[in-house]
Amino acid sequence: MLAKSAMPIEVMMNEAAQQNMENHPVIRTLYDHVDEVTCLAFHPTEQILASGSRDYTLKLFDYSKPSAKRAFKHIQEAEMLRSVSFHPSGDFLLVDAASNPASV
């Protein structure tokens, strides 16, 4: 599975073209961030995608439900998020913000 971040205008302009990709069809477009997505991580055992953004939020999406286009949980941070990573067990999520220490 491939996840790609895009600015809202890119999504609108390329949505039709992306849906016609033969080898990599778009299965879902997720909305909820108000600024550029800077990092993504897939949960190792569940169908959950974590995304961090320049809008200072961490959002969790359940991509197992075709109707889900919005996050089921969000966490407000104090700064832009640079990276997110799930622990191999899936019990922890590491979050790295622009100038704050990483948090679990």
N, C-alpha and C. Protein backbone atom coordinates (compact mmCIF):
# COMPACT_ATOMS: atom_id res chain seq x y z
N MET A 1 0.85 -1.16 0.00
CA MET A 1 0.00 0.00 0.00
C MET A 1 0.89 1.23 0.00
N LEU A 2 0.49 2.24 -0.71
CA LEU A 2 1.23 3.49 -0.83
C LEU A 2 0.36 4.62 -0.31
N ALA A 3 0.96 5.50 0.48
CA ALA A 3 0.27 6.70 0.93
C ALA A 3 1.05 7.90 0.44
N LYS A 4 0.36 8.91 -0.05
CA LYS A 4 1.01 10.10 -0.59
C LYS A 4 0.29 11.32 -0.04
N SER A 5 1.07 12.30 0.38
CA SER A 5 0.46 13.55 0.83
C SER A 5 0.35 14.50 -0.35
N ALA A 6 -0.62 15.39 -0.29
CA ALA A 6 -0.81 16.37 -1.36
C ALA A 6 -1.49 17.59 -0.79
N MET A 7 -1.18 18.73 -1.37
CA MET A 7 -1.87 19.95 -1.00
C MET A 7 -3.31 19.86 -1.53
N PRO A 8 -4.27 20.55 -0.92
CA PRO A 8 -5.66 20.45 -1.37
C PRO A 8 -5.85 20.73 -2.87
N ILE A 9 -5.14 21.71 -3.41
CA ILE A 9 -5.30 22.03 -4.84
C ILE A 9 -4.77 20.88 -5.70
N GLU A 10 -3.70 20.20 -5.25
CA GLU A 10 -3.18 19.06 -6.00
C GLU A 10 -4.19 17.92 -6.02
N VAL A 11 -4.86 17.71 -4.91
CA VAL A 11 -5.87 16.65 -4.84
C VAL A 11 -6.98 16.94 -5.83
N MET A 12 -7.47 18.17 -5.84
CA MET A 12 -8.56 18.52 -6.74
C MET A 12 -8.15 18.41 -8.20
N MET A 13 -6.93 18.86 -8.53
CA MET A 13 -6.48 18.86 -9.92
C MET A 13 -6.16 17.45 -10.42
N ASN A 14 -5.64 16.60 -9.55
CA ASN A 14 -5.16 15.30 -9.98
C ASN A 14 -6.07 14.14 -9.60
N GLU A 15 -7.17 14.39 -8.95
CA GLU A 15 -8.01 13.29 -8.45
C GLU A 15 -8.49 12.39 -9.59
N ALA A 16 -8.94 12.96 -10.67
CA ALA A 16 -9.43 12.15 -11.78
C ALA A 16 -8.30 11.35 -12.41
N ALA A 17 -7.15 11.97 -12.60
CA ALA A 17 -6.01 11.27 -13.19
C ALA A 17 -5.51 10.15 -12.29
N GLN A 18 -5.49 10.38 -10.98
CA GLN A 18 -5.01 9.37 -10.04
C GLN A 18 -5.94 8.17 -10.02
N GLN A 19 -7.22 8.38 -10.16
CA GLN A 19 -8.17 7.28 -10.11
C GLN A 19 -8.04 6.36 -11.31
N ASN A 20 -7.41 6.83 -12.38
CA ASN A 20 -7.24 6.01 -13.57
C ASN A 20 -5.89 5.32 -13.64
N MET A 21 -5.07 5.42 -12.62
CA MET A 21 -3.77 4.76 -12.63
C MET A 21 -3.97 3.25 -12.64
N GLU A 22 -3.41 2.57 -13.63
CA GLU A 22 -3.65 1.14 -13.79
C GLU A 22 -3.00 0.31 -12.68
N ASN A 23 -1.75 0.57 -12.37
CA ASN A 23 -1.02 -0.25 -11.41
C ASN A 23 -1.22 0.17 -9.96
N HIS A 24 -1.63 1.39 -9.73
CA HIS A 24 -1.77 1.91 -8.37
C HIS A 24 -3.07 2.71 -8.26
N PRO A 25 -4.19 2.03 -8.26
CA PRO A 25 -5.45 2.79 -8.18
C PRO A 25 -5.60 3.47 -6.82
N VAL A 26 -6.19 4.64 -6.82
CA VAL A 26 -6.48 5.35 -5.58
C VAL A 26 -7.67 4.66 -4.94
N ILE A 27 -7.49 4.18 -3.71
CA ILE A 27 -8.60 3.51 -3.03
C ILE A 27 -9.34 4.45 -2.09
N ARG A 28 -8.68 5.49 -1.65
CA ARG A 28 -9.32 6.42 -0.74
C ARG A 28 -8.53 7.72 -0.70
N THR A 29 -9.23 8.84 -0.62
CA THR A 29 -8.62 10.14 -0.37
C THR A 29 -9.11 10.60 0.98
N LEU A 30 -8.18 10.87 1.88
CA LEU A 30 -8.52 11.27 3.24
C LEU A 30 -8.35 12.78 3.39
N TYR A 31 -9.32 13.40 4.03
CA TYR A 31 -9.31 14.85 4.22
C TYR A 31 -9.32 15.14 5.72
N ASP A 32 -8.73 16.19 6.14
CA ASP A 32 -8.89 16.69 7.50
C ASP A 32 -7.81 17.70 7.87
N HIS A 33 -6.64 17.62 7.30
CA HIS A 33 -5.61 18.61 7.61
C HIS A 33 -5.91 19.90 6.85
N VAL A 34 -5.52 21.02 7.43
CA VAL A 34 -5.72 22.31 6.77
C VAL A 34 -4.43 22.86 6.19
N ASP A 35 -3.33 22.11 6.33
CA ASP A 35 -2.05 22.50 5.74
C ASP A 35 -1.34 21.24 5.26
N GLU A 36 -0.17 21.42 4.69
CA GLU A 36 0.58 20.31 4.10
C GLU A 36 0.86 19.17 5.08
N VAL A 37 0.64 17.95 4.63
CA VAL A 37 0.99 16.76 5.42
C VAL A 37 2.49 16.54 5.27
N THR A 38 3.18 16.42 6.40
CA THR A 38 4.64 16.30 6.39
C THR A 38 5.14 14.89 6.69
N CYS A 39 4.29 14.04 7.27
CA CYS A 39 4.74 12.69 7.61
C CYS A 39 3.55 11.74 7.73
N LEU A 40 3.82 10.48 7.41
CA LEU A 40 2.79 9.43 7.44
C LEU A 40 3.39 8.17 8.04
N ALA A 41 2.55 7.37 8.71
CA ALA A 41 3.00 6.07 9.22
C ALA A 41 1.80 5.12 9.26
N PHE A 42 2.03 3.90 8.80
CA PHE A 42 1.01 2.85 8.88
C PHE A 42 1.18 2.08 10.17
N HIS A 43 0.06 1.78 10.84
CA HIS A 43 0.07 0.93 12.03
C HIS A 43 0.49 -0.47 11.58
N PRO A 44 1.32 -1.17 12.37
CA PRO A 44 1.82 -2.48 11.93
C PRO A 44 0.78 -3.60 11.89
N THR A 45 -0.31 -3.49 12.64
CA THR A 45 -1.27 -4.60 12.67
C THR A 45 -2.71 -4.18 12.38
N GLU A 46 -3.03 -2.91 12.52
CA GLU A 46 -4.39 -2.41 12.28
C GLU A 46 -4.41 -1.57 11.01
N GLN A 47 -5.58 -1.34 10.47
CA GLN A 47 -5.71 -0.50 9.28
C GLN A 47 -5.87 0.96 9.71
N ILE A 48 -4.79 1.48 10.28
CA ILE A 48 -4.76 2.85 10.78
C ILE A 48 -3.57 3.57 10.16
N LEU A 49 -3.81 4.78 9.70
CA LEU A 49 -2.77 5.63 9.14
C LEU A 49 -2.65 6.85 10.03
N ALA A 50 -1.43 7.14 10.50
CA ALA A 50 -1.15 8.35 11.29
C ALA A 50 -0.55 9.38 10.34
N SER A 51 -0.98 10.62 10.46
CA SER A 51 -0.42 11.68 9.63
C SER A 51 -0.15 12.91 10.48
N GLY A 52 0.99 13.53 10.21
CA GLY A 52 1.37 14.77 10.87
C GLY A 52 1.42 15.88 9.84
N SER A 53 1.25 17.12 10.29
CA SER A 53 1.10 18.20 9.34
C SER A 53 1.72 19.50 9.83
N ARG A 54 1.83 20.43 8.88
CA ARG A 54 2.25 21.80 9.21
C ARG A 54 1.15 22.53 9.99
N ASP A 55 -0.04 21.95 10.07
CA ASP A 55 -1.11 22.58 10.84
C ASP A 55 -1.04 22.22 12.33
N TYR A 56 0.09 21.60 12.72
CA TYR A 56 0.38 21.27 14.13
C TYR A 56 -0.50 20.15 14.67
N THR A 57 -1.05 19.32 13.81
CA THR A 57 -1.90 18.24 14.30
C THR A 57 -1.39 16.87 13.87
N LEU A 58 -1.68 15.91 14.72
CA LEU A 58 -1.49 14.49 14.42
C LEU A 58 -2.89 13.93 14.27
N LYS A 59 -3.14 13.23 13.17
CA LYS A 59 -4.47 12.67 12.93
C LYS A 59 -4.35 11.18 12.67
N LEU A 60 -5.33 10.43 13.18
CA LEU A 60 -5.38 8.99 12.97
C LEU A 60 -6.61 8.67 12.13
N PHE A 61 -6.38 7.95 11.04
CA PHE A 61 -7.44 7.57 10.11
C PHE A 61 -7.61 6.06 10.10
N ASP A 62 -8.85 5.58 10.12
CA ASP A 62 -9.15 4.16 9.97
C ASP A 62 -9.49 3.95 8.50
N TYR A 63 -8.53 3.42 7.73
CA TYR A 63 -8.77 3.27 6.30
C TYR A 63 -9.44 1.94 5.95
N SER A 64 -9.89 1.18 6.95
CA SER A 64 -10.62 -0.07 6.68
C SER A 64 -12.07 0.22 6.28
N LYS A 65 -12.55 1.39 6.62
CA LYS A 65 -13.94 1.75 6.33
C LYS A 65 -13.98 2.64 5.08
N PRO A 66 -14.57 2.17 4.00
CA PRO A 66 -14.59 2.95 2.76
C PRO A 66 -15.22 4.33 2.91
N SER A 67 -16.14 4.48 3.84
CA SER A 67 -16.82 5.77 4.00
C SER A 67 -16.01 6.77 4.85
N ALA A 68 -14.98 6.30 5.53
CA ALA A 68 -14.21 7.19 6.42
C ALA A 68 -13.27 8.06 5.60
N LYS A 69 -13.47 9.36 5.67
CA LYS A 69 -12.61 10.32 4.99
C LYS A 69 -12.01 11.32 5.97
N ARG A 70 -12.48 11.29 7.19
CA ARG A 70 -11.99 12.20 8.24
C ARG A 70 -11.34 11.39 9.35
N ALA A 71 -10.49 12.05 10.12
CA ALA A 71 -9.77 11.39 11.21
C ALA A 71 -10.73 10.98 12.32
N PHE A 72 -10.46 9.85 12.95
CA PHE A 72 -11.26 9.44 14.10
C PHE A 72 -10.65 9.95 15.39
N LYS A 73 -9.41 10.43 15.34
CA LYS A 73 -8.76 11.02 16.51
C LYS A 73 -7.75 12.05 16.02
N HIS A 74 -7.64 13.16 16.77
CA HIS A 74 -6.58 14.11 16.44
C HIS A 74 -5.98 14.65 17.73
N ILE A 75 -4.71 14.99 17.64
CA ILE A 75 -3.96 15.53 18.78
C ILE A 75 -3.32 16.83 18.32
N GLN A 76 -3.55 17.89 19.07
CA GLN A 76 -2.97 19.19 18.75
C GLN A 76 -1.58 19.28 19.36
N GLU A 77 -0.59 19.62 18.56
CA GLU A 77 0.78 19.82 19.03
C GLU A 77 1.08 21.31 19.04
N ALA A 78 2.23 21.68 19.57
CA ALA A 78 2.62 23.09 19.65
C ALA A 78 3.37 23.55 18.40
N GLU A 79 3.85 22.60 17.59
CA GLU A 79 4.63 22.94 16.41
C GLU A 79 4.35 21.97 15.28
N MET A 80 4.90 22.29 14.10
CA MET A 80 4.77 21.42 12.95
C MET A 80 5.38 20.05 13.25
N LEU A 81 4.76 19.00 12.76
CA LEU A 81 5.27 17.65 12.98
C LEU A 81 6.22 17.26 11.85
N ARG A 82 7.37 16.70 12.24
CA ARG A 82 8.37 16.29 11.25
C ARG A 82 8.31 14.81 10.93
N SER A 83 7.99 13.98 11.93
CA SER A 83 7.91 12.55 11.67
C SER A 83 7.03 11.86 12.70
N VAL A 84 6.44 10.76 12.27
CA VAL A 84 5.66 9.89 13.15
C VAL A 84 6.06 8.46 12.82
N SER A 85 6.07 7.61 13.84
CA SER A 85 6.46 6.22 13.64
C SER A 85 5.82 5.34 14.70
N PHE A 86 5.18 4.27 14.27
CA PHE A 86 4.61 3.31 15.20
C PHE A 86 5.69 2.34 15.67
N HIS A 87 5.62 1.95 16.94
CA HIS A 87 6.45 0.87 17.47
C HIS A 87 5.99 -0.42 16.76
N PRO A 88 6.89 -1.38 16.52
CA PRO A 88 6.48 -2.62 15.85
C PRO A 88 5.30 -3.34 16.50
N SER A 89 5.13 -3.19 17.81
CA SER A 89 3.98 -3.81 18.49
C SER A 89 2.68 -3.07 18.19
N GLY A 90 2.79 -1.80 17.77
CA GLY A 90 1.62 -0.98 17.53
C GLY A 90 1.08 -0.30 18.77
N ASP A 91 1.71 -0.55 19.92
CA ASP A 91 1.23 0.01 21.19
C ASP A 91 1.66 1.45 21.41
N PHE A 92 2.68 1.92 20.69
CA PHE A 92 3.21 3.26 20.90
C PHE A 92 3.38 3.96 19.56
N LEU A 93 3.28 5.29 19.61
CA LEU A 93 3.49 6.12 18.44
C LEU A 93 4.48 7.21 18.82
N LEU A 94 5.59 7.27 18.11
CA LEU A 94 6.60 8.30 18.34
C LEU A 94 6.27 9.50 17.47
N VAL A 95 6.27 10.69 18.08
CA VAL A 95 5.96 11.93 17.37
C VAL A 95 7.12 12.89 17.54
N ASP A 96 7.61 13.44 16.44
CA ASP A 96 8.73 14.38 16.46
C ASP A 96 8.25 15.72 15.91
N ALA A 97 8.24 16.74 16.77
CA ALA A 97 7.83 18.08 16.36
C ALA A 97 9.06 18.90 16.01
N ALA A 98 8.86 20.06 15.38
CA ALA A 98 9.94 20.88 14.82
C ALA A 98 11.06 21.17 15.79
N SER A 99 10.77 21.64 16.99
CA SER A 99 11.87 21.96 17.90
C SER A 99 11.69 21.36 19.29
N ASN A 100 10.58 20.66 19.50
CA ASN A 100 10.37 20.00 20.79
C ASN A 100 11.02 18.63 20.79
N PRO A 101 11.34 18.10 21.96
CA PRO A 101 11.84 16.73 22.00
C PRO A 101 10.77 15.76 21.49
N ALA A 102 11.20 14.64 20.97
CA ALA A 102 10.26 13.62 20.50
C ALA A 102 9.43 13.13 21.68
N SER A 103 8.18 12.77 21.42
CA SER A 103 7.31 12.27 22.49
C SER A 103 6.67 10.96 22.06
N VAL A 104 6.35 10.13 23.06
CA VAL A 104 5.74 8.83 22.79
C VAL A 104 4.32 8.86 23.34
